[in-house]
Amino acid sequence: MPAYSTNMRLKFPIVALLLETVIIILYAVFVVYDDGHEHHPDPHGSGNKSEVENPVGLYPMFQDVHVMIFIGFGFLMTFLKRYGFSSVGINLLLAAFGLQWGFLLQNIWHLHDGKIQVSILRMINADFSTATVLISFGAVLGKTSPVQLLIMTLLEITTFCINEHIVGAFLEASDVGASMTIHAFGAYFGLAVARMLYRPGLSNGHNNEGSVYHSDMFAMIGTVYLWMFWPSFNSAIANPGAPQLNAIINTYFSLAACALAAYATSSLVEHKGKLDMVHIQNATLAGGVAVGTCADMSIAPFGAMLIGVFAGIISTLGFKFLSPILASHLGIQDTCGVHNLHGMPGILGGLAGIVAASLGKKPDITPGYQAAALASSLGFALIGGAITGLILKLPFWGQPPDQNCFDDSLYWEVPEEEEAGESLTHTDHSKNKAEV
């Protein structure tokens, strides 16, 4: 790869400012303040047709979701020992662009007198659209350039909004916490991109593809923030009243049960019963993902706990056994293990929604349409991700060469380089090797 290909001095500013210019023009044409007279359809099928009477009443929920997007997702990916700037910094970049683009595309279906009216509910949904990109970002973390990731954000949110509209408007499926439309979609979109960007040179791992003690501590900041605020994520767009309260309670108990199951499973599968920080950072959150589809339904606290336990177990087992198989046999180099935290638990959530629909836990939804919503989300994710991956393979996006992957210094001014021969013990996250 030519030495100059990773120079971002022109290509990154041009792409970033061009995208922002286009967005500003579109906002000038279409976006106005909410006058309080329009109903706001909810794309996730919760049935929430309007905001509460107080136009800023949802702002606390919006704040919680915002914290998850910018702190939770950002710090969760800081486990790589030499990639912390990129994990938090590029997370901020993609989310800032994604929420603007997502807001436009989600609401282009719902023009009022030719305009899109800004409301807190729509701002929450715009944040949700960015979550899909941040999930996919985890699958290709350390192996892509900022320009590639901006292009991925543009294409992924476009695909996401099409699928979301089909699931919510045509299938009228219920997915209030977006297990299917955000988590499963984001994971499999990212895995498809990762497969297209497969690097044979990384098949045996990379010196920087691991953690040190303090980087794992930073990653736990993201875990704890996500764990604390997930009830808001799953309940923010639910109908006010009993459905919203159900979503809070079900997520609360699913996360708690999931944490116990993840800790227990980690101890069970690791050498001498020790806990693996990879599992604790990720699998403890799987309950929030898996309970999302039926969060606002009357599944009872014990039902939410059962979903959480299953999610914690399959997520932990995925990190231990499945990730190495995906990497070695399918060529899917999933840096953060998004398949285990978002992919499989997202599918579990979709299946739980199908079961809940068949048991009559929510009126006006059917198992068939719930299943169709899951299939649509997976189909759009895999096809859209594969096409996006092929576009990102083009040689002029400034992607890093193999030897410079997982290293901030290629795209950042790093004030103090750590010694390459650092003696601190590190964990290989991609291979998740058992302790010797």
Protein backbone atom coordinates (compact mmCIF):
# COMPACT_ATOMS: atom_id res chain seq x y z
CA MET A 1 0.00 0.00 0.00
CA PRO A 2 1.47 3.41 -0.94
CA ALA A 3 2.78 5.46 1.97
CA TYR A 4 0.64 8.46 1.08
CA SER A 5 -2.68 6.59 0.95
CA THR A 6 -3.48 7.10 4.63
CA ASN A 7 -2.91 10.86 4.52
CA MET A 8 -6.25 12.40 5.58
CA ARG A 9 -5.33 16.05 5.04
CA LEU A 10 -7.54 16.56 1.99
CA LYS A 11 -9.81 13.55 1.66
CA PHE A 12 -11.22 13.65 5.19
CA PRO A 13 -12.01 17.42 5.34
CA ILE A 14 -13.50 17.31 1.85
CA VAL A 15 -15.78 14.35 2.61
CA ALA A 16 -16.80 15.63 6.06
CA LEU A 17 -17.53 19.21 4.98
CA LEU A 18 -19.27 18.10 1.78
CA LEU A 19 -21.60 15.85 3.76
CA GLU A 20 -22.32 18.61 6.28
CA THR A 21 -22.99 21.13 3.51
CA VAL A 22 -25.51 18.82 1.86
CA ILE A 23 -27.22 18.23 5.21
CA ILE A 24 -27.45 21.98 5.97
CA ILE A 25 -29.05 22.62 2.57
CA LEU A 26 -31.58 19.83 3.13
CA TYR A 27 -32.37 21.15 6.62
CA ALA A 28 -32.86 24.63 5.19
CA VAL A 29 -35.43 23.22 2.78
CA PHE A 30 -37.26 20.71 4.98
CA VAL A 31 -36.72 21.19 8.74
CA VAL A 32 -38.67 23.57 11.00
CA TYR A 33 -39.55 23.81 14.69
CA ASP A 34 -42.48 21.75 15.95
CA ASP A 35 -45.65 23.86 16.18
CA GLY A 36 -47.30 21.31 18.45
CA HIS A 37 -50.05 20.32 16.00
CA GLU A 38 -48.50 17.29 14.33
CA HIS A 39 -48.63 13.70 15.50
CA HIS A 40 -45.32 11.87 15.40
CA PRO A 41 -45.57 8.27 14.22
CA ASP A 42 -43.19 5.93 15.98
CA PRO A 43 -41.16 3.85 13.51
CA HIS A 44 -40.52 1.11 16.07
CA GLY A 45 -44.16 0.13 16.30
CA SER A 46 -44.80 0.99 19.94
CA GLY A 47 -47.98 2.79 18.96
CA ASN A 48 -46.76 6.10 20.34
CA LYS A 49 -48.51 8.59 18.05
CA SER A 50 -47.79 11.83 19.86
CA GLU A 51 -45.56 13.37 22.45
CA VAL A 52 -46.77 14.18 25.91
CA GLU A 53 -48.43 17.57 26.31
CA ASN A 54 -45.23 19.14 27.63
CA PRO A 55 -43.07 19.50 24.48
CA VAL A 56 -39.88 18.92 26.48
CA GLY A 57 -41.36 16.18 28.64
CA LEU A 58 -39.24 13.49 27.03
CA TYR A 59 -36.00 15.42 27.47
CA PRO A 60 -34.78 13.33 30.46
CA MET A 61 -35.21 10.19 28.36
CA PHE A 62 -33.41 11.89 25.49
CA GLN A 63 -30.51 12.77 27.81
CA ASP A 64 -30.23 9.15 28.92
CA VAL A 65 -30.16 7.87 25.35
CA HIS A 66 -27.63 10.58 24.44
CA VAL A 67 -25.36 9.43 27.28
CA MET A 68 -25.55 5.86 26.00
CA ILE A 69 -24.67 6.89 22.46
CA PHE A 70 -21.73 9.15 23.27
CA ILE A 71 -20.30 7.77 26.53
CA GLY A 72 -21.60 4.21 26.68
CA PHE A 73 -20.79 3.09 23.15
CA GLY A 74 -17.66 5.24 22.98
CA PHE A 75 -15.97 3.96 26.11
CA LEU A 76 -17.13 0.37 25.63
CA MET A 77 -14.74 0.17 22.65
CA THR A 78 -11.69 1.57 24.47
CA PHE A 79 -10.42 -1.89 25.45
CA LEU A 80 -7.80 -1.88 22.69
CA LYS A 81 -4.53 -0.80 24.26
CA ARG A 82 -3.48 1.66 21.55
CA TYR A 83 -6.81 2.69 20.05
CA GLY A 84 -8.61 4.67 22.75
CA PHE A 85 -8.55 8.01 20.91
CA SER A 86 -10.23 6.43 17.91
CA SER A 87 -12.76 4.49 19.97
CA VAL A 88 -14.11 7.56 21.76
CA GLY A 89 -13.23 10.17 19.14
CA ILE A 90 -14.51 8.46 15.99
CA ASN A 91 -17.59 7.35 17.95
CA LEU A 92 -18.34 11.06 18.53
CA LEU A 93 -17.72 11.88 14.85
CA LEU A 94 -20.00 9.14 13.51
CA ALA A 95 -22.77 9.88 15.99
CA ALA A 96 -22.68 13.62 15.27
CA PHE A 97 -23.03 12.99 11.54
CA GLY A 98 -25.40 10.05 11.91
CA LEU A 99 -27.99 11.79 14.05
CA GLN A 100 -28.30 14.59 11.50
CA TRP A 101 -28.64 12.22 8.56
CA GLY A 102 -30.89 9.81 10.44
CA PHE A 103 -33.24 12.59 11.50
CA LEU A 104 -33.80 13.52 7.86
CA LEU A 105 -34.29 10.04 6.49
CA GLN A 106 -36.49 8.76 9.32
CA ASN A 107 -38.90 11.65 8.91
CA ILE A 108 -38.91 12.12 5.14
CA TRP A 109 -41.88 9.71 5.16
CA HIS A 110 -43.79 12.00 7.55
CA LEU A 111 -43.74 15.47 6.00
CA HIS A 112 -46.28 18.00 7.31
CA ASP A 113 -47.00 20.66 4.70
CA GLY A 114 -43.74 19.64 3.07
CA LYS A 115 -41.75 20.12 6.27
CA ILE A 116 -40.18 17.97 9.01
CA GLN A 117 -40.96 19.30 12.46
CA VAL A 118 -38.31 18.86 15.14
CA SER A 119 -39.46 17.29 18.40
CA ILE A 120 -37.73 15.55 21.30
CA LEU A 121 -39.27 12.23 20.25
CA ARG A 122 -37.80 12.59 16.78
CA MET A 123 -34.43 13.55 18.26
CA ILE A 124 -34.53 10.33 20.31
CA ASN A 125 -35.27 8.32 17.18
CA ALA A 126 -32.40 10.07 15.37
CA ASP A 127 -30.08 8.97 18.19
CA PHE A 128 -31.43 5.44 17.76
CA SER A 129 -30.47 5.49 14.08
CA THR A 130 -26.87 6.29 15.05
CA ALA A 131 -26.78 3.31 17.41
CA THR A 132 -26.87 0.96 14.42
CA VAL A 133 -23.69 2.54 13.04
CA LEU A 134 -21.91 2.44 16.38
CA ILE A 135 -22.71 -1.25 16.70
CA SER A 136 -21.33 -1.92 13.21
CA PHE A 137 -18.30 0.26 14.01
CA GLY A 138 -17.38 -2.29 16.69
CA ALA A 139 -17.13 -5.07 14.10
CA VAL A 140 -14.55 -3.17 12.03
CA LEU A 141 -12.87 -1.29 14.87
CA GLY A 142 -9.17 -0.68 14.25
CA LYS A 143 -9.23 -1.71 10.60
CA THR A 144 -10.90 1.25 8.90
CA SER A 145 -10.18 4.91 8.22
CA PRO A 146 -12.34 7.87 9.33
CA VAL A 147 -13.37 8.45 5.71
CA GLN A 148 -14.47 4.84 5.29
CA LEU A 149 -16.52 5.11 8.46
CA LEU A 150 -18.27 8.29 7.33
CA ILE A 151 -19.23 6.56 4.08
CA MET A 152 -20.43 3.53 6.07
CA THR A 153 -22.55 5.83 8.26
CA LEU A 154 -24.15 7.43 5.21
CA LEU A 155 -25.02 4.09 3.61
CA GLU A 156 -25.97 2.20 6.76
CA ILE A 157 -28.40 4.79 8.10
CA THR A 158 -30.01 5.00 4.66
CA THR A 159 -30.52 1.22 4.66
CA PHE A 160 -31.64 1.24 8.29
CA CYS A 161 -34.32 3.87 7.66
CA ILE A 162 -35.76 1.92 4.73
CA ASN A 163 -35.98 -1.26 6.81
CA GLU A 164 -37.35 0.61 9.82
CA HIS A 165 -40.11 2.13 7.70
CA ILE A 166 -41.03 -1.28 6.29
CA VAL A 167 -41.10 -2.86 9.77
CA GLY A 168 -43.08 -0.04 11.40
CA ALA A 169 -45.37 1.26 8.65
CA PHE A 170 -46.04 -1.78 6.47
CA LEU A 171 -45.61 -4.78 8.78
CA GLU A 172 -46.78 -2.78 11.84
CA ALA A 173 -44.55 -4.96 13.97
CA SER A 174 -43.75 -4.06 17.57
CA ASP A 175 -40.08 -3.48 18.42
CA VAL A 176 -40.08 -0.76 21.06
CA GLY A 177 -36.53 -1.45 22.26
CA ALA A 178 -35.38 -2.25 18.72
CA SER A 179 -33.87 -5.70 19.30
CA MET A 180 -34.46 -6.41 15.62
CA THR A 181 -34.27 -3.04 13.87
CA ILE A 182 -31.23 -1.66 15.70
CA HIS A 183 -29.29 -4.42 17.46
CA ALA A 184 -29.65 -7.37 15.09
CA PHE A 185 -29.53 -5.03 12.09
CA GLY A 186 -26.43 -3.16 13.29
CA ALA A 187 -24.60 -6.35 14.20
CA TYR A 188 -25.18 -8.23 10.95
CA PHE A 189 -24.61 -5.14 8.84
CA GLY A 190 -21.24 -4.74 10.57
CA LEU A 191 -20.40 -8.43 10.21
CA ALA A 192 -21.17 -8.28 6.48
CA VAL A 193 -18.91 -5.23 6.12
CA ALA A 194 -16.19 -6.99 8.13
CA ARG A 195 -16.43 -10.04 5.86
CA MET A 196 -16.04 -7.89 2.74
CA LEU A 197 -13.03 -6.14 4.33
CA TYR A 198 -11.41 -9.42 5.43
CA ARG A 199 -7.66 -9.11 5.95
CA PRO A 200 -5.70 -12.36 5.62
CA GLY A 201 -2.73 -10.62 7.24
CA LEU A 202 -4.67 -10.34 10.50
CA SER A 203 -5.80 -13.96 10.58
CA ASN A 204 -3.20 -14.77 13.23
CA GLY A 205 -3.97 -11.71 15.31
CA HIS A 206 -2.07 -8.45 15.75
CA ASN A 207 0.23 -7.18 18.47
CA ASN A 208 -2.09 -4.25 19.20
CA GLU A 209 -5.32 -6.25 19.08
CA GLY A 210 -5.56 -6.65 22.81
CA SER A 211 -6.00 -4.80 26.06
CA VAL A 212 -3.97 -3.68 29.03
CA TYR A 213 -5.21 -3.24 32.59
CA HIS A 214 -6.16 0.44 32.30
CA SER A 215 -7.79 0.10 28.85
CA ASP A 216 -10.12 -2.58 30.21
CA MET A 217 -10.99 -0.25 33.09
CA PHE A 218 -11.92 2.50 30.62
CA ALA A 219 -14.08 0.03 28.70
CA MET A 220 -15.94 -0.81 31.91
CA ILE A 221 -16.99 2.85 32.11
CA GLY A 222 -18.91 2.31 28.89
CA THR A 223 -20.39 -0.93 30.21
CA VAL A 224 -21.66 0.64 33.42
CA TYR A 225 -23.17 3.65 31.66
CA LEU A 226 -24.95 1.42 29.15
CA TRP A 227 -26.14 -0.92 31.90
CA MET A 228 -27.52 1.94 33.99
CA PHE A 229 -29.32 3.77 31.20
CA TRP A 230 -30.65 0.85 29.14
CA PRO A 231 -34.14 1.04 30.73
CA SER A 232 -34.43 4.53 29.19
CA PHE A 233 -33.30 3.23 25.79
CA ASN A 234 -36.00 0.55 25.76
CA SER A 235 -38.77 2.75 27.16
CA ALA A 236 -38.12 6.17 25.60
CA ILE A 237 -40.59 5.80 22.73
CA ALA A 238 -43.09 3.48 24.44
CA ASN A 239 -46.63 4.68 25.02
CA PRO A 240 -46.85 6.78 28.21
CA GLY A 241 -48.42 4.92 31.11
CA ALA A 242 -48.38 1.17 31.64
CA PRO A 243 -46.44 0.25 28.45
CA GLN A 244 -43.62 2.68 29.27
CA LEU A 245 -43.51 1.52 32.88
CA ASN A 246 -43.45 -2.11 31.70
CA ALA A 247 -40.49 -1.31 29.44
CA ILE A 248 -38.54 0.22 32.32
CA ILE A 249 -39.31 -2.63 34.73
CA ASN A 250 -38.72 -5.45 32.22
CA THR A 251 -35.37 -4.00 31.13
CA TYR A 252 -34.32 -3.42 34.74
CA PHE A 253 -34.90 -7.06 35.72
CA SER A 254 -33.62 -8.52 32.45
CA LEU A 255 -30.30 -6.70 32.89
CA ALA A 256 -29.98 -7.80 36.50
CA ALA A 257 -30.62 -11.47 35.69
CA CYS A 258 -28.36 -11.25 32.65
CA ALA A 259 -25.46 -9.97 34.74
CA LEU A 260 -25.66 -12.94 37.11
CA ALA A 261 -25.87 -15.39 34.21
CA ALA A 262 -22.93 -13.78 32.40
CA TYR A 263 -20.72 -13.84 35.49
CA ALA A 264 -21.64 -17.46 36.22
CA THR A 265 -21.07 -18.60 32.64
CA SER A 266 -17.75 -16.77 32.41
CA SER A 267 -16.50 -18.50 35.55
CA LEU A 268 -17.77 -21.84 34.27
CA VAL A 269 -15.90 -21.73 30.95
CA GLU A 270 -12.65 -20.08 32.03
CA HIS A 271 -9.54 -21.71 33.45
CA LYS A 272 -9.78 -22.28 37.24
CA GLY A 273 -13.14 -20.52 37.30
CA LYS A 274 -11.68 -17.04 36.83
CA LEU A 275 -13.77 -14.22 35.34
CA ASP A 276 -12.90 -12.88 31.88
CA MET A 277 -13.22 -9.10 31.57
CA VAL A 278 -14.26 -9.45 27.91
CA HIS A 279 -17.37 -11.30 29.04
CA ILE A 280 -18.15 -8.87 31.84
CA GLN A 281 -17.77 -5.80 29.61
CA ASN A 282 -20.19 -7.15 27.02
CA ALA A 283 -22.36 -10.11 27.97
CA THR A 284 -23.75 -8.34 31.05
CA LEU A 285 -25.52 -5.97 28.63
CA ALA A 286 -27.13 -8.64 26.45
CA GLY A 287 -30.28 -8.68 28.58
CA GLY A 288 -31.02 -5.10 27.55
CA VAL A 289 -30.71 -6.07 23.90
CA ALA A 290 -32.77 -9.24 24.11
CA VAL A 291 -35.73 -7.85 26.08
CA GLY A 292 -36.10 -4.87 23.73
CA THR A 293 -38.73 -6.19 21.31
CA CYS A 294 -41.19 -7.18 24.03
CA ALA A 295 -40.07 -4.64 26.65
CA ASP A 296 -43.42 -2.80 26.72
CA MET A 297 -45.47 -6.01 26.80
CA SER A 298 -46.95 -7.65 29.89
CA ILE A 299 -44.44 -10.48 30.00
CA ALA A 300 -44.11 -10.27 33.83
CA PRO A 301 -40.83 -9.59 35.64
CA PHE A 302 -39.95 -13.30 35.73
CA GLY A 303 -40.38 -13.46 31.95
CA ALA A 304 -37.95 -10.58 31.54
CA MET A 305 -35.52 -12.36 33.87
CA LEU A 306 -35.70 -15.53 31.80
CA ILE A 307 -34.91 -13.57 28.65
CA GLY A 308 -31.98 -11.92 30.47
CA VAL A 309 -30.56 -15.23 31.68
CA PHE A 310 -30.68 -16.78 28.19
CA ALA A 311 -29.09 -13.66 26.73
CA GLY A 312 -26.24 -13.63 29.26
CA ILE A 313 -25.48 -17.28 28.65
CA ILE A 314 -25.50 -17.21 24.84
CA SER A 315 -23.50 -13.99 24.74
CA THR A 316 -20.76 -15.33 27.01
CA LEU A 317 -20.60 -18.65 25.15
CA GLY A 318 -20.42 -16.71 21.89
CA PHE A 319 -17.33 -14.80 23.03
CA LYS A 320 -15.69 -17.98 24.29
CA PHE A 321 -16.44 -20.40 21.47
CA LEU A 322 -18.17 -18.81 18.47
CA SER A 323 -16.03 -15.73 17.74
CA PRO A 324 -12.88 -17.81 17.04
CA ILE A 325 -14.92 -20.01 14.67
CA LEU A 326 -16.30 -17.00 12.76
CA ALA A 327 -12.78 -15.61 12.39
CA SER A 328 -11.04 -18.82 11.38
CA HIS A 329 -13.69 -20.49 9.22
CA LEU A 330 -15.86 -17.67 7.85
CA GLY A 331 -13.31 -14.86 7.63
CA ILE A 332 -15.38 -12.55 9.87
CA GLN A 333 -12.93 -10.60 12.02
CA ASP A 334 -15.32 -9.12 14.59
CA THR A 335 -13.10 -6.86 16.72
CA CYS A 336 -15.58 -6.10 19.51
CA GLY A 337 -17.65 -9.26 19.30
CA VAL A 338 -20.81 -7.42 18.26
CA HIS A 339 -22.28 -10.73 17.11
CA ASN A 340 -22.30 -11.88 20.73
CA LEU A 341 -23.64 -8.69 22.33
CA HIS A 342 -26.01 -7.40 19.65
CA GLY A 343 -26.43 -10.08 16.97
CA MET A 344 -27.51 -13.23 18.78
CA PRO A 345 -29.32 -11.39 21.63
CA GLY A 346 -31.07 -9.27 18.97
CA ILE A 347 -32.34 -12.42 17.28
CA LEU A 348 -33.32 -13.79 20.70
CA GLY A 349 -35.30 -10.59 21.26
CA GLY A 350 -37.04 -10.99 17.92
CA LEU A 351 -37.95 -14.59 18.76
CA ALA A 352 -39.20 -13.53 22.20
CA GLY A 353 -41.42 -10.98 20.47
CA ILE A 354 -42.86 -13.70 18.23
CA VAL A 355 -43.64 -15.85 21.28
CA ALA A 356 -45.13 -12.88 23.17
CA ALA A 357 -47.32 -12.05 20.18
CA SER A 358 -48.57 -15.63 19.96
CA LEU A 359 -49.45 -15.47 23.69
CA GLY A 360 -51.42 -12.25 23.19
CA LYS A 361 -49.13 -10.08 25.31
CA LYS A 362 -49.84 -7.02 23.17
CA PRO A 363 -52.93 -6.25 21.08
CA ASP A 364 -52.82 -5.74 17.32
CA ILE A 365 -49.58 -7.66 16.67
CA THR A 366 -49.25 -11.12 15.14
CA PRO A 367 -46.45 -13.69 15.25
CA GLY A 368 -46.26 -13.72 11.44
CA TYR A 369 -45.60 -10.02 11.10
CA GLN A 370 -43.14 -10.11 13.98
CA ALA A 371 -41.25 -12.90 12.19
CA ALA A 372 -41.36 -10.94 8.94
CA ALA A 373 -39.87 -7.93 10.74
CA LEU A 374 -36.98 -10.04 12.01
CA ALA A 375 -36.38 -11.49 8.56
CA SER A 376 -36.53 -8.05 6.94
CA SER A 377 -34.01 -6.63 9.42
CA LEU A 378 -31.57 -9.47 8.86
CA GLY A 379 -31.99 -9.39 5.09
CA PHE A 380 -31.46 -5.64 4.75
CA ALA A 381 -28.49 -5.84 7.13
CA LEU A 382 -26.66 -8.62 5.31
CA ILE A 383 -27.27 -7.35 1.79
CA GLY A 384 -26.73 -3.69 2.68
CA GLY A 385 -23.61 -4.53 4.65
CA ALA A 386 -22.14 -6.60 1.84
CA ILE A 387 -22.71 -3.82 -0.71
CA THR A 388 -21.29 -1.23 1.70
CA GLY A 389 -18.26 -3.43 2.35
CA LEU A 390 -17.56 -3.71 -1.37
CA ILE A 391 -17.72 0.09 -1.70
CA LEU A 392 -15.39 0.54 1.27
CA LYS A 393 -12.85 -1.80 -0.35
CA LEU A 394 -12.13 0.81 -3.01
CA PRO A 395 -8.47 1.83 -2.61
CA PHE A 396 -8.84 5.60 -2.13
CA TRP A 397 -10.58 5.75 1.26
CA GLY A 398 -7.30 5.76 3.20
CA GLN A 399 -7.70 2.43 4.97
CA PRO A 400 -4.77 1.46 7.22
CA PRO A 401 -2.25 -1.19 6.14
CA ASP A 402 -2.24 -4.36 8.23
CA GLN A 403 0.79 -3.36 10.28
CA ASN A 404 -0.87 -0.07 11.34
CA CYS A 405 -4.25 -1.47 12.37
CA PHE A 406 -5.44 -0.91 15.94
CA ASP A 407 -3.06 2.04 16.33
CA ASP A 408 -4.21 5.62 16.97
CA SER A 409 -1.01 7.21 15.72
CA LEU A 410 -1.94 6.66 12.05
CA TYR A 411 -4.84 9.13 12.21
CA TRP A 412 -4.26 11.05 15.47
CA GLU A 413 -1.62 13.25 17.03
CA VAL A 414 -0.67 11.07 19.97
CA PRO A 415 1.05 13.03 22.78
CA GLU A 416 2.96 10.14 24.28
CA GLU A 417 3.60 6.87 22.54
CA GLU A 418 3.59 3.77 24.69
CA GLU A 419 6.57 1.52 24.23
CA ALA A 420 5.88 -1.29 21.80
CA GLY A 421 7.45 -3.77 24.18
CA GLU A 422 5.15 -2.84 27.04
CA SER A 423 5.37 -5.45 29.73
CA LEU A 424 1.77 -5.20 30.96
CA THR A 425 -0.22 -8.35 30.33
CA HIS A 426 -2.83 -7.99 27.61
CA THR A 427 -5.83 -9.97 26.51
CA ASP A 428 -6.51 -10.86 22.89
CA HIS A 429 -10.14 -9.79 22.38
CA SER A 430 -10.59 -11.04 18.85
CA LYS A 431 -9.39 -14.56 19.51
CA ASN A 432 -10.39 -14.59 23.17
CA LYS A 433 -7.69 -17.13 23.90
CA ALA A 434 -8.03 -19.28 26.98
CA GLU A 435 -5.60 -18.59 29.81
CA VAL A 436 -2.47 -20.66 29.63
